[in-house]
Amino acid sequence: IGAIDDVSDEPPSTDDSAETDLVNDVKPSASSIVSSKMFGGRSAAGRAGALKSYGGSVAVQQTLARALKWLAEVQNPDGTWGVGHPEAMTSLAVLTFLAHGETPKSKNFGTHVSKGIAQLAKWGGSGQFPLGQDHGKVGRDVYEHALVAYALSEAYAMTGNYALREPMDNTIEFI
């Protein structure tokens, strides 16, 4: 968050002069099907390049920082978010952190991301599918299950952590 506090209204500068090939210091999977530019906008330098290319403001960046901080503050002790639909809420929260380039190694949010991903992996490894609770509404759990599969896939792609592969494959196979 500290880096956000230091921004000004001046467009950020980067060493990268390409319009959309943003600096990529988030290390994605080595898979041959992954685009080398896929996670470029998720690093601090990549976000700066995106702001330069597409616009943005200090106010927006500060609001985003407050949103991430709030998500971290409201995370449940077991690594989940929410009460009624923890599978969906946890998936969406983890996806939000990942979209910002936060991983388990991140200085400010790494612990929160790690705990969330661990819970997703636990659900994905449970074999009790579909994940989620329909609460009497037929089919709702299918959306929650899909969100868990998506979040696990994104986490696996961004971290390259092979421990996520089996839970990810399990959730996708069920779909």
N, C-alpha and C. Protein backbone atom coordinates (compact mmCIF):
# COMPACT_ATOMS: atom_id res chain seq x y z
N ILE A 1 0.84 -1.19 0.00
CA ILE A 1 0.00 0.00 0.00
C ILE A 1 0.87 1.24 0.00
N GLY A 2 2.05 1.16 0.63
CA GLY A 2 2.92 2.31 0.70
C GLY A 2 3.23 2.90 -0.66
N ALA A 3 3.40 2.07 -1.68
CA ALA A 3 3.70 2.58 -3.01
C ALA A 3 2.56 3.41 -3.56
N ILE A 4 1.34 3.07 -3.22
CA ILE A 4 0.18 3.82 -3.68
C ILE A 4 0.17 5.21 -3.05
N ASP A 5 0.58 5.30 -1.79
CA ASP A 5 0.57 6.57 -1.10
C ASP A 5 1.53 7.57 -1.71
N ASP A 6 2.55 7.09 -2.41
CA ASP A 6 3.57 7.96 -2.97
C ASP A 6 3.27 8.43 -4.38
N VAL A 7 2.15 8.06 -4.95
CA VAL A 7 1.87 8.43 -6.33
C VAL A 7 1.38 9.87 -6.42
N SER A 8 1.62 10.46 -7.55
CA SER A 8 1.14 11.82 -7.81
C SER A 8 0.15 11.76 -8.96
N ASP A 9 -0.41 12.91 -9.31
CA ASP A 9 -1.35 12.95 -10.42
C ASP A 9 -0.64 12.95 -11.78
N GLU A 10 0.68 13.04 -11.77
CA GLU A 10 1.45 12.98 -13.00
C GLU A 10 1.42 11.55 -13.53
N PRO A 11 1.36 11.38 -14.85
CA PRO A 11 1.39 10.01 -15.38
C PRO A 11 2.68 9.32 -14.96
N PRO A 12 2.59 8.06 -14.56
CA PRO A 12 3.79 7.34 -14.15
C PRO A 12 4.69 7.08 -15.34
N SER A 13 5.97 6.97 -15.09
CA SER A 13 6.90 6.66 -16.17
C SER A 13 7.45 5.27 -15.95
N THR A 14 7.73 4.59 -17.04
CA THR A 14 8.35 3.27 -16.98
C THR A 14 9.45 3.22 -18.03
N ASP A 15 10.27 2.21 -17.95
CA ASP A 15 11.30 2.00 -18.97
C ASP A 15 10.69 1.38 -20.21
N ASP A 16 9.46 0.97 -20.12
CA ASP A 16 8.79 0.25 -21.19
C ASP A 16 8.09 1.24 -22.10
N SER A 17 8.46 1.31 -23.35
CA SER A 17 7.84 2.26 -24.26
C SER A 17 6.74 1.64 -25.11
N ALA A 18 6.56 0.34 -25.01
CA ALA A 18 5.52 -0.32 -25.79
C ALA A 18 4.15 0.06 -25.27
N GLU A 19 3.18 0.11 -26.16
CA GLU A 19 1.84 0.52 -25.76
C GLU A 19 1.17 -0.49 -24.85
N THR A 20 1.23 -1.77 -25.17
CA THR A 20 0.52 -2.74 -24.36
C THR A 20 1.39 -3.83 -23.77
N ASP A 21 2.66 -3.89 -24.17
CA ASP A 21 3.55 -4.91 -23.62
C ASP A 21 4.11 -4.41 -22.30
N LEU A 22 3.29 -4.50 -21.27
CA LEU A 22 3.64 -3.95 -19.97
C LEU A 22 4.70 -4.79 -19.29
N VAL A 23 5.45 -4.16 -18.41
CA VAL A 23 6.53 -4.84 -17.69
C VAL A 23 5.97 -6.05 -16.96
N ASN A 24 6.65 -7.16 -17.08
CA ASN A 24 6.13 -8.40 -16.52
C ASN A 24 7.09 -8.94 -15.47
N ASP A 25 6.85 -8.56 -14.20
CA ASP A 25 7.68 -9.14 -13.15
C ASP A 25 6.89 -10.09 -12.27
N VAL A 26 5.64 -10.40 -12.64
CA VAL A 26 4.90 -11.49 -12.02
C VAL A 26 5.24 -12.71 -12.85
N LYS A 27 5.68 -13.76 -12.23
CA LYS A 27 6.16 -14.92 -12.96
C LYS A 27 5.03 -15.93 -13.18
N PRO A 28 4.51 -16.02 -14.40
CA PRO A 28 3.46 -17.00 -14.70
C PRO A 28 4.03 -18.39 -14.91
N SER A 29 3.12 -19.33 -15.11
CA SER A 29 3.49 -20.70 -15.40
C SER A 29 4.36 -20.76 -16.67
N ALA A 30 5.19 -21.75 -16.77
CA ALA A 30 6.04 -21.92 -17.95
C ALA A 30 5.31 -22.63 -19.08
N SER A 31 4.01 -22.82 -18.95
CA SER A 31 3.23 -23.51 -19.95
C SER A 31 3.36 -22.82 -21.30
N SER A 32 3.44 -23.61 -22.37
CA SER A 32 3.56 -23.05 -23.71
C SER A 32 2.27 -22.38 -24.17
N ILE A 33 1.16 -22.62 -23.48
CA ILE A 33 -0.09 -22.01 -23.90
C ILE A 33 -0.37 -20.68 -23.19
N VAL A 34 0.54 -20.25 -22.32
CA VAL A 34 0.35 -19.00 -21.59
C VAL A 34 1.01 -17.86 -22.35
N SER A 35 0.28 -16.80 -22.57
CA SER A 35 0.83 -15.62 -23.23
C SER A 35 1.86 -14.97 -22.32
N SER A 36 2.96 -14.53 -22.89
CA SER A 36 4.00 -13.88 -22.09
C SER A 36 3.53 -12.53 -21.55
N LYS A 37 2.48 -11.99 -22.13
CA LYS A 37 1.96 -10.69 -21.70
C LYS A 37 0.78 -10.83 -20.73
N MET A 38 0.41 -12.05 -20.43
CA MET A 38 -0.81 -12.32 -19.69
C MET A 38 -0.89 -11.62 -18.34
N PHE A 39 0.21 -11.56 -17.60
CA PHE A 39 0.19 -11.01 -16.26
C PHE A 39 0.96 -9.70 -16.15
N GLY A 40 1.35 -9.12 -17.27
CA GLY A 40 2.19 -7.93 -17.26
C GLY A 40 1.64 -6.75 -16.51
N GLY A 41 0.36 -6.51 -16.58
CA GLY A 41 -0.24 -5.37 -15.90
C GLY A 41 -0.47 -5.58 -14.43
N ARG A 42 -0.03 -6.70 -13.89
CA ARG A 42 -0.29 -7.02 -12.49
C ARG A 42 0.87 -6.69 -11.56
N SER A 43 1.95 -6.22 -12.07
CA SER A 43 3.09 -5.82 -11.22
C SER A 43 3.00 -4.31 -10.99
N ALA A 44 3.78 -3.81 -10.06
CA ALA A 44 3.80 -2.37 -9.81
C ALA A 44 4.22 -1.62 -11.06
N ALA A 45 5.28 -2.09 -11.71
CA ALA A 45 5.74 -1.44 -12.93
C ALA A 45 4.72 -1.60 -14.06
N GLY A 46 4.09 -2.76 -14.12
CA GLY A 46 3.07 -3.00 -15.14
C GLY A 46 1.86 -2.10 -14.95
N ARG A 47 1.45 -1.92 -13.69
CA ARG A 47 0.32 -1.03 -13.40
C ARG A 47 0.69 0.41 -13.77
N ALA A 48 1.93 0.80 -13.49
CA ALA A 48 2.38 2.14 -13.86
C ALA A 48 2.32 2.32 -15.37
N GLY A 49 2.75 1.30 -16.11
CA GLY A 49 2.68 1.36 -17.57
C GLY A 49 1.25 1.44 -18.07
N ALA A 50 0.36 0.69 -17.42
CA ALA A 50 -1.05 0.73 -17.82
C ALA A 50 -1.65 2.10 -17.55
N LEU A 51 -1.30 2.68 -16.42
CA LEU A 51 -1.79 4.03 -16.11
C LEU A 51 -1.30 5.03 -17.15
N LYS A 52 -0.05 4.87 -17.55
CA LYS A 52 0.51 5.76 -18.56
C LYS A 52 -0.20 5.57 -19.90
N SER A 53 -0.45 4.32 -20.27
CA SER A 53 -1.06 4.02 -21.56
C SER A 53 -2.56 4.31 -21.61
N TYR A 54 -3.25 4.01 -20.52
CA TYR A 54 -4.71 4.04 -20.56
C TYR A 54 -5.34 5.09 -19.66
N GLY A 55 -4.55 5.74 -18.86
CA GLY A 55 -5.09 6.77 -17.96
C GLY A 55 -5.41 6.20 -16.60
N GLY A 56 -5.79 7.05 -15.72
CA GLY A 56 -6.08 6.68 -14.34
C GLY A 56 -5.73 7.85 -13.46
N SER A 57 -5.97 7.72 -12.19
CA SER A 57 -5.69 8.82 -11.28
C SER A 57 -5.21 8.28 -9.94
N VAL A 58 -4.63 9.17 -9.18
CA VAL A 58 -4.20 8.83 -7.84
C VAL A 58 -5.41 8.41 -7.01
N ALA A 59 -6.51 9.10 -7.16
CA ALA A 59 -7.71 8.79 -6.37
C ALA A 59 -8.18 7.36 -6.63
N VAL A 60 -8.15 6.95 -7.87
CA VAL A 60 -8.57 5.58 -8.21
C VAL A 60 -7.61 4.58 -7.60
N GLN A 61 -6.31 4.83 -7.69
CA GLN A 61 -5.33 3.92 -7.13
C GLN A 61 -5.44 3.84 -5.61
N GLN A 62 -5.73 4.96 -4.97
CA GLN A 62 -5.90 4.95 -3.52
C GLN A 62 -7.17 4.21 -3.12
N THR A 63 -8.21 4.35 -3.91
CA THR A 63 -9.45 3.62 -3.65
C THR A 63 -9.22 2.13 -3.78
N LEU A 64 -8.49 1.72 -4.79
CA LEU A 64 -8.16 0.32 -4.97
C LEU A 64 -7.33 -0.19 -3.79
N ALA A 65 -6.38 0.58 -3.33
CA ALA A 65 -5.56 0.18 -2.18
C ALA A 65 -6.44 0.01 -0.94
N ARG A 66 -7.39 0.92 -0.75
CA ARG A 66 -8.29 0.79 0.40
C ARG A 66 -9.18 -0.44 0.27
N ALA A 67 -9.60 -0.76 -0.94
CA ALA A 67 -10.44 -1.94 -1.16
C ALA A 67 -9.67 -3.22 -0.82
N LEU A 68 -8.42 -3.30 -1.25
CA LEU A 68 -7.60 -4.47 -0.94
C LEU A 68 -7.35 -4.56 0.56
N LYS A 69 -7.10 -3.44 1.18
CA LYS A 69 -6.88 -3.42 2.63
C LYS A 69 -8.15 -3.89 3.36
N TRP A 70 -9.30 -3.43 2.89
CA TRP A 70 -10.57 -3.84 3.51
C TRP A 70 -10.77 -5.35 3.35
N LEU A 71 -10.51 -5.87 2.16
CA LEU A 71 -10.63 -7.32 1.96
C LEU A 71 -9.74 -8.08 2.93
N ALA A 72 -8.53 -7.59 3.12
CA ALA A 72 -7.61 -8.24 4.05
C ALA A 72 -8.17 -8.20 5.48
N GLU A 73 -8.77 -7.08 5.85
CA GLU A 73 -9.29 -6.91 7.21
C GLU A 73 -10.51 -7.79 7.50
N VAL A 74 -11.31 -8.07 6.48
CA VAL A 74 -12.55 -8.82 6.73
C VAL A 74 -12.41 -10.32 6.43
N GLN A 75 -11.21 -10.76 6.10
CA GLN A 75 -11.00 -12.18 5.86
C GLN A 75 -11.25 -12.95 7.16
N ASN A 76 -11.94 -14.06 7.05
CA ASN A 76 -12.20 -14.93 8.20
C ASN A 76 -10.91 -15.62 8.63
N PRO A 77 -10.80 -16.00 9.90
CA PRO A 77 -9.57 -16.66 10.39
C PRO A 77 -9.20 -17.93 9.62
N ASP A 78 -10.19 -18.63 9.06
CA ASP A 78 -9.89 -19.87 8.33
C ASP A 78 -9.45 -19.62 6.89
N GLY A 79 -9.31 -18.36 6.50
CA GLY A 79 -8.86 -18.04 5.14
C GLY A 79 -9.98 -17.75 4.16
N THR A 80 -11.22 -17.88 4.60
CA THR A 80 -12.37 -17.63 3.72
C THR A 80 -12.82 -16.18 3.84
N TRP A 81 -13.73 -15.81 2.97
CA TRP A 81 -14.43 -14.54 3.06
C TRP A 81 -15.91 -14.85 3.03
N GLY A 82 -16.70 -14.02 3.65
CA GLY A 82 -18.14 -14.15 3.62
C GLY A 82 -18.67 -15.16 4.61
N VAL A 83 -20.00 -15.28 4.62
CA VAL A 83 -20.67 -16.20 5.53
C VAL A 83 -21.57 -17.15 4.75
N GLY A 84 -22.49 -16.63 3.99
CA GLY A 84 -23.50 -17.45 3.33
C GLY A 84 -23.00 -18.27 2.17
N HIS A 85 -22.05 -17.79 1.46
CA HIS A 85 -21.51 -18.48 0.28
C HIS A 85 -19.99 -18.33 0.28
N PRO A 86 -19.31 -18.96 1.23
CA PRO A 86 -17.86 -18.75 1.35
C PRO A 86 -17.07 -19.19 0.12
N GLU A 87 -17.54 -20.21 -0.59
CA GLU A 87 -16.82 -20.65 -1.79
C GLU A 87 -16.78 -19.52 -2.84
N ALA A 88 -17.93 -18.91 -3.07
CA ALA A 88 -18.00 -17.83 -4.05
C ALA A 88 -17.24 -16.60 -3.57
N MET A 89 -17.47 -16.21 -2.32
CA MET A 89 -16.83 -14.99 -1.81
C MET A 89 -15.31 -15.14 -1.72
N THR A 90 -14.85 -16.30 -1.31
CA THR A 90 -13.41 -16.54 -1.22
C THR A 90 -12.79 -16.52 -2.60
N SER A 91 -13.44 -17.16 -3.56
CA SER A 91 -12.93 -17.16 -4.93
C SER A 91 -12.82 -15.75 -5.48
N LEU A 92 -13.86 -14.95 -5.29
CA LEU A 92 -13.85 -13.58 -5.81
C LEU A 92 -12.81 -12.72 -5.11
N ALA A 93 -12.64 -12.90 -3.81
CA ALA A 93 -11.63 -12.12 -3.09
C ALA A 93 -10.23 -12.49 -3.56
N VAL A 94 -9.96 -13.79 -3.69
CA VAL A 94 -8.64 -14.23 -4.17
C VAL A 94 -8.40 -13.71 -5.58
N LEU A 95 -9.40 -13.78 -6.44
CA LEU A 95 -9.25 -13.27 -7.80
C LEU A 95 -8.96 -11.77 -7.81
N THR A 96 -9.54 -11.03 -6.88
CA THR A 96 -9.28 -9.60 -6.79
C THR A 96 -7.81 -9.33 -6.44
N PHE A 97 -7.30 -10.06 -5.45
CA PHE A 97 -5.89 -9.90 -5.10
C PHE A 97 -4.99 -10.30 -6.26
N LEU A 98 -5.30 -11.43 -6.89
CA LEU A 98 -4.46 -11.90 -8.00
C LEU A 98 -4.48 -10.91 -9.16
N ALA A 99 -5.63 -10.31 -9.43
CA ALA A 99 -5.73 -9.34 -10.52
C ALA A 99 -4.84 -8.13 -10.27
N HIS A 100 -4.59 -7.84 -9.01
CA HIS A 100 -3.71 -6.73 -8.65
C HIS A 100 -2.24 -7.16 -8.62
N GLY A 101 -2.01 -8.44 -8.85
CA GLY A 101 -0.64 -8.95 -8.84
C GLY A 101 -0.17 -9.43 -7.49
N GLU A 102 -1.10 -9.56 -6.55
CA GLU A 102 -0.75 -10.03 -5.21
C GLU A 102 -0.70 -11.55 -5.23
N THR A 103 0.37 -12.11 -4.69
CA THR A 103 0.54 -13.55 -4.60
C THR A 103 0.90 -13.89 -3.16
N PRO A 104 1.06 -15.18 -2.84
CA PRO A 104 1.48 -15.52 -1.48
C PRO A 104 2.82 -14.89 -1.09
N LYS A 105 3.61 -14.45 -2.04
CA LYS A 105 4.91 -13.82 -1.75
C LYS A 105 4.81 -12.31 -1.59
N SER A 106 3.63 -11.74 -1.77
CA SER A 106 3.47 -10.29 -1.69
C SER A 106 3.70 -9.77 -0.28
N LYS A 107 4.36 -8.64 -0.20
CA LYS A 107 4.71 -8.05 1.09
C LYS A 107 3.48 -7.70 1.92
N ASN A 108 2.54 -6.99 1.35
CA ASN A 108 1.40 -6.49 2.12
C ASN A 108 0.26 -7.47 2.29
N PHE A 109 0.02 -8.31 1.28
CA PHE A 109 -1.16 -9.17 1.31
C PHE A 109 -0.86 -10.65 1.15
N GLY A 110 0.40 -11.02 1.14
CA GLY A 110 0.78 -12.40 0.88
C GLY A 110 0.13 -13.40 1.82
N THR A 111 0.05 -13.10 3.10
CA THR A 111 -0.56 -14.02 4.06
C THR A 111 -2.04 -14.22 3.75
N HIS A 112 -2.72 -13.15 3.41
CA HIS A 112 -4.15 -13.24 3.11
C HIS A 112 -4.38 -14.06 1.84
N VAL A 113 -3.59 -13.80 0.82
CA VAL A 113 -3.71 -14.53 -0.44
C VAL A 113 -3.39 -16.00 -0.21
N SER A 114 -2.35 -16.27 0.54
CA SER A 114 -1.94 -17.65 0.82
C SER A 114 -3.04 -18.42 1.54
N LYS A 115 -3.62 -17.82 2.56
CA LYS A 115 -4.69 -18.48 3.31
C LYS A 115 -5.93 -18.71 2.43
N GLY A 116 -6.25 -17.75 1.58
CA GLY A 116 -7.39 -17.92 0.68
C GLY A 116 -7.17 -19.03 -0.33
N ILE A 117 -5.98 -19.04 -0.93
CA ILE A 117 -5.65 -20.09 -1.90
C ILE A 117 -5.63 -21.46 -1.23
N ALA A 118 -5.11 -21.52 -0.01
CA ALA A 118 -5.08 -22.80 0.71
C ALA A 118 -6.48 -23.33 0.93
N GLN A 119 -7.42 -22.45 1.24
CA GLN A 119 -8.81 -22.88 1.44
C GLN A 119 -9.43 -23.36 0.13
N LEU A 120 -9.14 -22.65 -0.96
CA LEU A 120 -9.64 -23.07 -2.27
C LEU A 120 -9.09 -24.46 -2.62
N ALA A 121 -7.80 -24.68 -2.35
CA ALA A 121 -7.18 -25.97 -2.64
C ALA A 121 -7.80 -27.07 -1.77
N LYS A 122 -8.11 -26.75 -0.54
CA LYS A 122 -8.76 -27.72 0.34
C LYS A 122 -10.11 -28.14 -0.23
N TRP A 123 -10.88 -27.16 -0.66
CA TRP A 123 -12.18 -27.48 -1.27
C TRP A 123 -11.99 -28.29 -2.55
N GLY A 124 -11.04 -27.87 -3.39
CA GLY A 124 -10.79 -28.57 -4.65
C GLY A 124 -10.29 -29.99 -4.46
N GLY A 125 -9.66 -30.24 -3.33
CA GLY A 125 -9.17 -31.58 -3.04
C GLY A 125 -10.15 -32.45 -2.30
N SER A 126 -11.29 -31.87 -1.91
CA SER A 126 -12.25 -32.60 -1.09
C SER A 126 -13.01 -33.68 -1.86
N GLY A 127 -13.21 -33.47 -3.15
CA GLY A 127 -13.98 -34.42 -3.94
C GLY A 127 -15.47 -34.36 -3.69
N GLN A 128 -15.92 -33.46 -2.85
CA GLN A 128 -17.34 -33.30 -2.54
C GLN A 128 -17.91 -32.23 -3.47
N PHE A 129 -18.24 -32.65 -4.68
CA PHE A 129 -18.65 -31.71 -5.71
C PHE A 129 -20.13 -31.84 -6.03
N PRO A 130 -20.80 -30.79 -6.47
CA PRO A 130 -20.25 -29.47 -6.73
C PRO A 130 -19.99 -28.72 -5.42
N LEU A 131 -19.01 -27.84 -5.46
CA LEU A 131 -18.70 -27.02 -4.31
C LEU A 131 -19.76 -25.93 -4.18
N GLY A 132 -20.00 -25.49 -2.97
CA GLY A 132 -20.99 -24.44 -2.75
C GLY A 132 -22.28 -25.01 -2.20
N GLN A 133 -23.15 -24.11 -1.89
CA GLN A 133 -24.44 -24.50 -1.31
C GLN A 133 -25.55 -23.87 -2.13
N ASP A 134 -26.51 -24.67 -2.52
CA ASP A 134 -27.57 -24.10 -3.35
C ASP A 134 -28.66 -23.41 -2.54
N HIS A 135 -28.73 -23.64 -1.23
CA HIS A 135 -29.73 -23.01 -0.37
C HIS A 135 -31.13 -23.07 -0.98
N GLY A 136 -31.46 -24.21 -1.57
CA GLY A 136 -32.79 -24.40 -2.13
C GLY A 136 -32.97 -23.82 -3.52
N LYS A 137 -31.96 -23.21 -4.08
CA LYS A 137 -32.05 -22.63 -5.42
C LYS A 137 -31.25 -23.53 -6.35
N VAL A 138 -31.95 -24.32 -7.12
CA VAL A 138 -31.31 -25.31 -7.97
C VAL A 138 -30.29 -24.66 -8.89
N GLY A 139 -29.08 -25.22 -8.90
CA GLY A 139 -28.05 -24.77 -9.82
C GLY A 139 -27.13 -23.70 -9.28
N ARG A 140 -27.48 -23.07 -8.16
CA ARG A 140 -26.62 -21.99 -7.67
C ARG A 140 -25.22 -22.50 -7.32
N ASP A 141 -25.14 -23.70 -6.77
CA ASP A 141 -23.84 -24.23 -6.39
C ASP A 141 -22.93 -24.44 -7.59
N VAL A 142 -23.50 -24.60 -8.76
CA VAL A 142 -22.70 -24.79 -9.97
C VAL A 142 -21.87 -23.52 -10.23
N TYR A 143 -22.44 -22.35 -10.01
CA TYR A 143 -21.70 -21.11 -10.19
C TYR A 143 -20.58 -20.99 -9.16
N GLU A 144 -20.87 -21.36 -7.93
CA GLU A 144 -19.85 -21.31 -6.89
C GLU A 144 -18.71 -22.27 -7.22
N HIS A 145 -19.05 -23.45 -7.68
CA HIS A 145 -18.04 -24.43 -8.06
C HIS A 145 -17.16 -23.86 -9.18
N ALA A 146 -17.78 -23.25 -10.17
CA ALA A 146 -17.03 -22.69 -11.29
C ALA A 146 -16.09 -21.57 -10.83
N LEU A 147 -16.53 -20.77 -9.87
CA LEU A 147 -15.68 -19.70 -9.34
C LEU A 147 -14.45 -20.28 -8.64
N VAL A 148 -14.63 -21.36 -7.89
CA VAL A 148 -13.49 -22.00 -7.23
C VAL A 148 -12.52 -22.53 -8.29
N ALA A 149 -13.04 -23.17 -9.33
CA ALA A 149 -12.19 -23.69 -10.41
C ALA A 149 -11.42 -22.56 -11.08
N TYR A 150 -12.08 -21.45 -11.33
CA TYR A 150 -11.45 -20.30 -11.97
C TYR A 150 -10.35 -19.72 -11.07
N ALA A 151 -10.65 -19.53 -9.80
CA ALA A 151 -9.67 -18.95 -8.87
C ALA A 151 -8.46 -19.88 -8.70
N LEU A 152 -8.71 -21.18 -8.60
CA LEU A 152 -7.59 -22.12 -8.51
C LEU A 152 -6.74 -22.09 -9.78
N SER A 153 -7.38 -21.99 -10.92
CA SER A 153 -6.65 -21.94 -12.19
C SER A 153 -5.79 -20.69 -12.28
N GLU A 154 -6.35 -19.58 -11.89
CA GLU A 154 -5.61 -18.32 -11.91
C GLU A 154 -4.44 -18.36 -10.92
N ALA A 155 -4.68 -18.90 -9.74
CA ALA A 155 -3.62 -19.00 -8.72
C ALA A 155 -2.51 -19.93 -9.22
N TYR A 156 -2.88 -21.03 -9.84
CA TYR A 156 -1.88 -21.96 -10.36
C TYR A 156 -1.06 -21.29 -11.46
N ALA A 157 -1.73 -20.59 -12.36
CA ALA A 157 -1.03 -19.93 -13.46
C ALA A 157 -0.08 -18.84 -12.96
N MET A 158 -0.49 -18.11 -11.93
CA MET A 158 0.35 -17.01 -11.44
C MET A 158 1.48 -17.47 -10.55
N THR A 159 1.27 -18.53 -9.81
CA THR A 159 2.29 -18.95 -8.84
C THR A 159 3.14 -20.10 -9.34
N GLY A 160 2.60 -20.91 -10.24
CA GLY A 160 3.31 -22.10 -10.69
C GLY A 160 3.42 -23.14 -9.59
N ASN A 161 2.62 -23.02 -8.55
CA ASN A 161 2.65 -23.94 -7.41
C ASN A 161 1.96 -25.25 -7.81
N TYR A 162 2.75 -26.30 -7.99
CA TYR A 162 2.21 -27.58 -8.44
C TYR A 162 1.25 -28.22 -7.44
N ALA A 163 1.28 -27.79 -6.19
CA ALA A 163 0.33 -28.32 -5.20
C ALA A 163 -1.10 -27.90 -5.54
N LEU A 164 -1.26 -26.90 -6.38
CA LEU A 164 -2.60 -26.44 -6.77
C LEU A 164 -3.14 -27.19 -7.98
N ARG A 165 -2.27 -27.91 -8.65
CA ARG A 165 -2.70 -28.55 -9.90
C ARG A 165 -3.79 -29.60 -9.69
N GLU A 166 -3.62 -30.49 -8.72
CA GLU A 166 -4.62 -31.53 -8.51
C GLU A 166 -5.98 -30.95 -8.09
N PRO A 167 -6.04 -30.04 -7.10
CA PRO A 167 -7.34 -29.47 -6.77
C PRO A 167 -7.96 -28.72 -7.95
N MET A 168 -7.12 -28.02 -8.72
CA MET A 168 -7.62 -27.32 -9.90
C MET A 168 -8.18 -28.33 -10.91
N ASP A 169 -7.41 -29.37 -11.21
CA ASP A 169 -7.87 -30.38 -12.17
C ASP A 169 -9.15 -31.05 -11.69
N ASN A 170 -9.25 -31.32 -10.39
CA ASN A 170 -10.46 -31.94 -9.86
C ASN A 170 -11.69 -31.10 -10.11
N THR A 171 -11.57 -29.79 -9.85
CA THR A 171 -12.74 -28.92 -10.03
C THR A 171 -13.11 -28.78 -11.49
N ILE A 172 -12.09 -28.71 -12.35
CA ILE A 172 -12.36 -28.59 -13.79
C ILE A 172 -12.93 -29.89 -14.34
N GLU A 173 -12.40 -31.00 -13.92
CA GLU A 173 -12.90 -32.30 -14.39
C GLU A 173 -14.38 -32.47 -14.06
N PHE A 174 -14.78 -32.03 -12.87
CA PHE A 174 -16.18 -32.13 -12.50
C PHE A 174 -17.05 -31.30 -13.44
N ILE A 175 -16.56 -30.12 -13.80
CA ILE A 175 -17.33 -29.25 -14.71
C ILE A 175 -17.52 -29.95 -16.04
